[in-house]
Amino acid sequence: MPWIGQTSNSMCPRLTIRFVTEIVAVLAAAAFQGSLWGAGDWEEEALLLYNSGSPEINDLRARSTGNERLKLYARALGQLHVQPMREENALLAKETFDILFESNPNDQVGMASAYYLARITHKHLDQPDLEAARSAYRYIFESYPSRFFGELAFLKYLLMELYNGEGVRSVTDRIASLEMLGDQLTIPDMIRGYHRAIGDAYLGYELSDEKAYEHLKAAYEIKSSVPETQVELMLTVAELAELFGEKDVAIAALQDFLKAANGDDRRGEVALRIAALNSK
């Protein structure tokens, strides 16, 4: 189907896991930068922080004066993201996250701690426990609906169900279940991530171009503050839009690509394709 020399990850489920995970990290960083200096809730400020020396963690430390829970949380984040990553550091962080979650699971620190406990089980142990992580992510999004860490946990759960969910249920059944859960999301960045992951799955598993387009178009229509992360989505949407006769959508997506993808070696091909579509 590709007409543009596309390097999209859409056709390879294993790459899609990494791809959508990177999107989640980008949206988390964007949320942090957008809210760091504002007066709003800090829930969106302490997300996927990968370096214990980062300005974000240092800022949390500085702001934790007089707030023992926030101080402990910042210390645990620092331990978790010491480079190079080691299991012993993750286990030290886990001890603190356990204390914070058990003492109050319903404030912002408690919800964030629940998320990081699941993430440690999933990503930071020498022998990850995928079933425990899957259950933990599901618990978090069911316990904290419409909250940032609840919806972020849903995206993690979704990816595990799509690509680590081999078992008695078919991938079609797994996707159908996830689509029912996805309707509960309320945060635009999370809704975009959900539609993008499901759309990529419909393509990657060669299930339905029509359903893939439905989801990927929905993801594309939720604009990102970091459009550079959406260039492959733009190309895929353009390709599918043309397939289904939606020329205006295809042209708009290709024009957005040209605005976002400075230096991309496909710009010439995209410009030619826009001209061809406009001539029809």
Protein backbone atom coordinates (compact mmCIF):
# COMPACT_ATOMS: atom_id res chain seq x y z
CA MET A 1 0.00 0.00 0.00
CA PRO A 2 2.75 2.62 0.67
CA TRP A 3 3.24 5.19 -2.07
CA ILE A 4 5.69 7.49 -0.37
CA GLY A 5 8.72 5.40 0.66
CA GLN A 6 7.22 5.43 4.12
CA THR A 7 9.19 4.43 7.20
CA SER A 8 6.14 4.16 9.42
CA ASN A 9 6.15 1.50 12.14
CA SER A 10 2.51 0.75 11.36
CA MET A 11 3.21 -2.54 9.62
CA CYS A 12 5.34 -4.06 12.34
CA PRO A 13 3.69 -4.74 15.72
CA ARG A 14 6.98 -5.19 17.57
CA LEU A 15 8.19 -1.79 16.44
CA THR A 16 4.81 -0.27 17.27
CA ILE A 17 5.36 -0.98 20.96
CA ARG A 18 8.52 1.10 20.97
CA PHE A 19 6.94 3.74 18.76
CA VAL A 20 3.85 4.37 20.89
CA THR A 21 5.91 4.21 24.07
CA GLU A 22 8.09 6.98 22.67
CA ILE A 23 4.95 9.01 21.94
CA VAL A 24 3.82 8.62 25.54
CA ALA A 25 7.21 9.85 26.75
CA VAL A 26 7.02 12.85 24.46
CA LEU A 27 3.53 13.83 25.58
CA ALA A 28 4.60 13.44 29.20
CA ALA A 29 7.56 15.74 28.68
CA ALA A 30 5.33 18.23 26.90
CA ALA A 31 2.83 18.20 29.76
CA PHE A 32 5.67 18.80 32.20
CA GLN A 33 7.07 21.73 30.27
CA GLY A 34 3.61 23.21 29.77
CA SER A 35 2.62 23.17 33.41
CA LEU A 36 5.89 23.48 35.29
CA TRP A 37 5.74 27.23 35.82
CA GLY A 38 1.96 27.51 36.05
CA ALA A 39 -0.24 27.49 39.09
CA GLY A 40 -2.01 24.26 38.21
CA ASP A 41 -1.88 20.81 39.68
CA TRP A 42 1.60 19.26 39.76
CA GLU A 43 0.14 15.89 38.77
CA GLU A 44 1.28 16.43 35.18
CA GLU A 45 4.70 17.69 36.22
CA ALA A 46 6.30 14.52 37.59
CA LEU A 47 6.05 12.06 34.76
CA LEU A 48 8.50 9.93 32.84
CA LEU A 49 11.73 11.42 34.17
CA TYR A 50 14.75 9.46 33.01
CA ASN A 51 17.72 11.16 34.65
CA SER A 52 18.18 11.65 38.38
CA GLY A 53 20.09 14.85 37.66
CA SER A 54 17.39 16.31 35.45
CA PRO A 55 16.04 19.81 36.08
CA GLU A 56 12.59 18.33 36.58
CA ILE A 57 13.61 16.16 39.53
CA ASN A 58 15.77 18.93 40.93
CA ASP A 59 12.73 21.21 40.73
CA LEU A 60 10.64 18.68 42.63
CA ARG A 61 13.34 18.50 45.28
CA ALA A 62 13.43 22.27 45.58
CA ARG A 63 9.66 22.51 45.86
CA SER A 64 9.41 19.74 48.47
CA THR A 65 10.53 21.97 51.35
CA GLY A 66 8.06 21.31 54.16
CA ASN A 67 6.29 18.56 52.20
CA GLU A 68 7.65 15.24 53.36
CA ARG A 69 5.65 13.14 50.88
CA LEU A 70 6.82 15.17 47.92
CA LYS A 71 10.37 15.04 49.25
CA LEU A 72 10.26 11.23 49.50
CA TYR A 73 8.69 11.00 46.05
CA ALA A 74 11.43 13.14 44.50
CA ARG A 75 14.07 11.01 46.21
CA ALA A 76 12.49 7.81 44.89
CA LEU A 77 12.39 9.19 41.35
CA GLY A 78 16.04 10.08 41.65
CA GLN A 79 16.91 6.57 42.81
CA LEU A 80 14.86 4.98 40.03
CA HIS A 81 16.53 6.93 37.25
CA VAL A 82 20.17 6.79 38.31
CA GLN A 83 22.28 6.00 35.24
CA PRO A 84 23.19 3.35 34.40
CA MET A 85 19.96 1.72 35.54
CA ARG A 86 20.36 -1.14 38.02
CA GLU A 87 17.83 -3.36 39.72
CA GLU A 88 19.12 -2.50 43.19
CA ASN A 89 18.31 1.16 42.62
CA ALA A 90 14.84 0.28 41.38
CA LEU A 91 14.23 -1.83 44.49
CA LEU A 92 15.30 1.04 46.74
CA ALA A 93 12.88 3.33 44.93
CA LYS A 94 10.17 0.66 45.20
CA GLU A 95 10.47 0.65 49.00
CA THR A 96 9.69 4.37 49.09
CA PHE A 97 6.91 4.20 46.50
CA ASP A 98 5.34 1.35 48.53
CA ILE A 99 5.34 3.50 51.68
CA LEU A 100 3.87 6.50 49.84
CA PHE A 101 1.15 4.45 48.18
CA GLU A 102 0.17 2.52 51.29
CA SER A 103 -0.01 5.63 53.47
CA ASN A 104 -2.31 7.47 51.05
CA PRO A 105 -3.22 5.93 47.69
CA ASN A 106 -5.57 8.75 46.72
CA ASP A 107 -3.51 11.93 46.69
CA GLN A 108 -1.31 12.92 43.76
CA VAL A 109 1.82 11.38 45.27
CA GLY A 110 -0.04 8.15 45.99
CA MET A 111 -1.36 7.85 42.43
CA ALA A 112 2.05 8.65 40.95
CA SER A 113 3.65 6.09 43.26
CA ALA A 114 1.16 3.43 42.14
CA TYR A 115 2.14 4.10 38.53
CA TYR A 116 5.86 3.84 39.24
CA LEU A 117 5.39 0.63 41.21
CA ALA A 118 3.78 -0.90 38.13
CA ARG A 119 6.50 0.51 35.90
CA ILE A 120 9.25 -0.95 38.10
CA THR A 121 7.66 -4.39 37.80
CA HIS A 122 7.35 -3.92 34.05
CA LYS A 123 10.63 -2.26 33.06
CA HIS A 124 13.19 -2.01 35.84
CA LEU A 125 13.76 -5.54 37.13
CA ASP A 126 16.28 -8.02 35.80
CA GLN A 127 13.37 -10.44 35.35
CA PRO A 128 10.23 -8.36 34.71
CA ASP A 129 6.89 -9.80 35.85
CA LEU A 130 4.67 -8.95 32.89
CA GLU A 131 1.49 -10.44 34.33
CA ALA A 132 1.90 -8.52 37.58
CA ALA A 133 2.59 -5.33 35.63
CA ARG A 134 -0.45 -5.87 33.42
CA SER A 135 -2.67 -6.36 36.47
CA ALA A 136 -1.16 -3.32 38.19
CA TYR A 137 -1.73 -1.04 35.19
CA ARG A 138 -5.35 -2.22 34.96
CA TYR A 139 -5.86 -1.62 38.68
CA ILE A 140 -4.51 1.93 38.32
CA PHE A 141 -6.71 2.99 35.42
CA GLU A 142 -9.77 1.41 37.02
CA SER A 143 -9.01 3.06 40.37
CA TYR A 144 -8.17 6.52 39.01
CA PRO A 145 -10.51 7.25 36.08
CA SER A 146 -9.98 10.56 34.30
CA ARG A 147 -6.72 11.15 36.16
CA PHE A 148 -3.40 11.56 34.41
CA PHE A 149 -1.66 8.53 35.88
CA GLY A 150 -4.79 6.42 35.53
CA GLU A 151 -5.03 7.15 31.81
CA LEU A 152 -1.27 6.79 31.32
CA ALA A 153 -1.52 3.35 32.95
CA PHE A 154 -4.30 2.51 30.49
CA LEU A 155 -1.96 3.16 27.55
CA LYS A 156 0.63 0.86 29.10
CA TYR A 157 -2.03 -1.80 29.69
CA LEU A 158 -3.27 -1.39 26.11
CA LEU A 159 0.18 -2.01 24.63
CA MET A 160 0.71 -5.08 26.79
CA GLU A 161 -2.67 -6.46 25.73
CA LEU A 162 -1.96 -5.82 22.07
CA TYR A 163 1.57 -7.20 21.89
CA ASN A 164 2.10 -9.34 25.00
CA GLY A 165 -1.39 -10.73 25.28
CA GLU A 166 -1.03 -14.04 23.46
CA GLY A 167 -3.33 -16.56 25.08
CA VAL A 168 -6.82 -17.92 24.75
CA ARG A 169 -8.26 -14.67 23.33
CA SER A 170 -7.70 -13.69 19.72
CA VAL A 171 -6.17 -10.33 18.88
CA THR A 172 -9.56 -9.30 17.44
CA ASP A 173 -11.23 -9.97 20.79
CA ARG A 174 -8.48 -8.11 22.65
CA ILE A 175 -8.84 -5.07 20.42
CA ALA A 176 -12.63 -5.07 20.82
CA SER A 177 -12.26 -5.10 24.62
CA LEU A 178 -9.72 -2.28 24.50
CA GLU A 179 -11.99 -0.19 22.27
CA MET A 180 -14.75 -0.37 24.88
CA LEU A 181 -12.31 0.75 27.58
CA GLY A 182 -10.81 3.47 25.39
CA ASP A 183 -14.14 5.28 25.23
CA GLN A 184 -13.65 6.16 28.91
CA LEU A 185 -10.56 8.32 28.30
CA THR A 186 -10.88 12.08 28.83
CA ILE A 187 -7.37 13.57 28.40
CA PRO A 188 -6.69 14.57 24.76
CA ASP A 189 -3.07 13.37 24.65
CA MET A 190 -4.14 9.99 26.04
CA ILE A 191 -7.05 9.75 23.61
CA ARG A 192 -4.63 10.40 20.75
CA GLY A 193 -2.26 7.72 22.03
CA TYR A 194 -5.13 5.25 22.35
CA HIS A 195 -6.41 5.81 18.80
CA ARG A 196 -2.92 5.67 17.38
CA ALA A 197 -2.09 2.39 19.09
CA ILE A 198 -5.36 0.73 18.08
CA GLY A 199 -5.07 2.01 14.51
CA ASP A 200 -1.52 0.72 14.24
CA ALA A 201 -2.70 -2.65 15.54
CA TYR A 202 -5.42 -2.90 12.89
CA LEU A 203 -2.74 -2.26 10.26
CA GLY A 204 0.06 -4.28 11.81
CA TYR A 205 -2.07 -7.37 12.27
CA GLU A 206 -3.64 -6.82 8.80
CA LEU A 207 -7.16 -6.83 10.23
CA SER A 208 -8.91 -3.85 8.68
CA ASP A 209 -7.72 -0.81 6.75
CA GLU A 210 -11.10 0.81 7.36
CA LYS A 211 -10.91 0.46 11.15
CA ALA A 212 -7.27 1.53 11.09
CA TYR A 213 -8.23 4.70 9.23
CA GLU A 214 -11.07 5.42 11.65
CA HIS A 215 -8.69 5.34 14.61
CA LEU A 216 -5.67 6.96 12.99
CA LYS A 217 -7.76 9.80 11.60
CA ALA A 218 -9.16 10.39 15.09
CA ALA A 219 -5.60 10.48 16.46
CA TYR A 220 -4.49 12.88 13.72
CA GLU A 221 -7.37 15.26 14.44
CA ILE A 222 -6.17 15.74 18.04
CA LYS A 223 -3.35 18.15 17.41
CA SER A 224 -0.09 17.72 19.30
CA SER A 225 2.03 20.46 20.82
CA VAL A 226 5.00 18.50 19.41
CA PRO A 227 3.92 17.89 15.78
CA GLU A 228 7.35 16.51 14.91
CA THR A 229 6.33 13.32 16.76
CA GLN A 230 3.32 12.87 14.47
CA VAL A 231 4.95 12.83 11.03
CA GLU A 232 4.54 9.10 10.44
CA LEU A 233 0.92 9.36 11.55
CA MET A 234 0.37 12.15 9.01
CA LEU A 235 1.74 10.01 6.18
CA THR A 236 -0.30 6.98 7.17
CA VAL A 237 -3.49 9.04 7.46
CA ALA A 238 -2.82 10.62 4.06
CA GLU A 239 -2.31 7.22 2.47
CA LEU A 240 -5.47 5.77 3.97
CA ALA A 241 -7.50 8.91 3.25
CA GLU A 242 -6.58 8.62 -0.42
CA LEU A 243 -7.47 4.93 -0.36
CA PHE A 244 -10.95 5.77 0.93
CA GLY A 245 -11.50 8.72 -1.37
CA GLU A 246 -11.04 11.53 1.17
CA LYS A 247 -8.76 13.71 -0.94
CA ASP A 248 -9.05 16.82 1.26
CA VAL A 249 -7.96 14.89 4.35
CA ALA A 250 -5.02 13.41 2.45
CA ILE A 251 -3.86 16.83 1.23
CA ALA A 252 -4.21 18.39 4.68
CA ALA A 253 -2.21 15.59 6.31
CA LEU A 254 0.55 15.89 3.70
CA GLN A 255 0.68 19.66 4.14
CA ASP A 256 0.98 19.17 7.90
CA PHE A 257 3.85 16.77 7.21
CA LEU A 258 5.70 19.43 5.22
CA LYS A 259 5.26 21.90 8.08
CA ALA A 260 6.51 19.45 10.72
CA ALA A 261 9.15 17.36 8.96
CA ASN A 262 11.94 19.82 8.26
CA GLY A 263 14.91 18.01 6.73
CA ASP A 264 12.98 14.79 6.04
CA ASP A 265 14.18 13.25 2.76
CA ARG A 266 10.57 12.45 1.78
CA ARG A 267 9.56 16.12 1.49
CA GLY A 268 10.06 16.15 -2.29
CA GLU A 269 7.88 13.09 -2.80
CA VAL A 270 5.21 14.54 -0.53
CA ALA A 271 5.16 17.83 -2.42
CA LEU A 272 4.75 15.95 -5.70
CA ARG A 273 1.92 13.90 -4.22
CA ILE A 274 0.09 17.03 -3.07
CA ALA A 275 0.37 18.45 -6.58
CA ALA A 276 -0.99 15.22 -8.06
CA LEU A 277 -3.94 15.19 -5.67
CA ASN A 278 -4.74 18.83 -6.37
CA SER A 279 -4.81 18.12 -10.10
CA LYS A 280 -7.49 15.42 -9.75
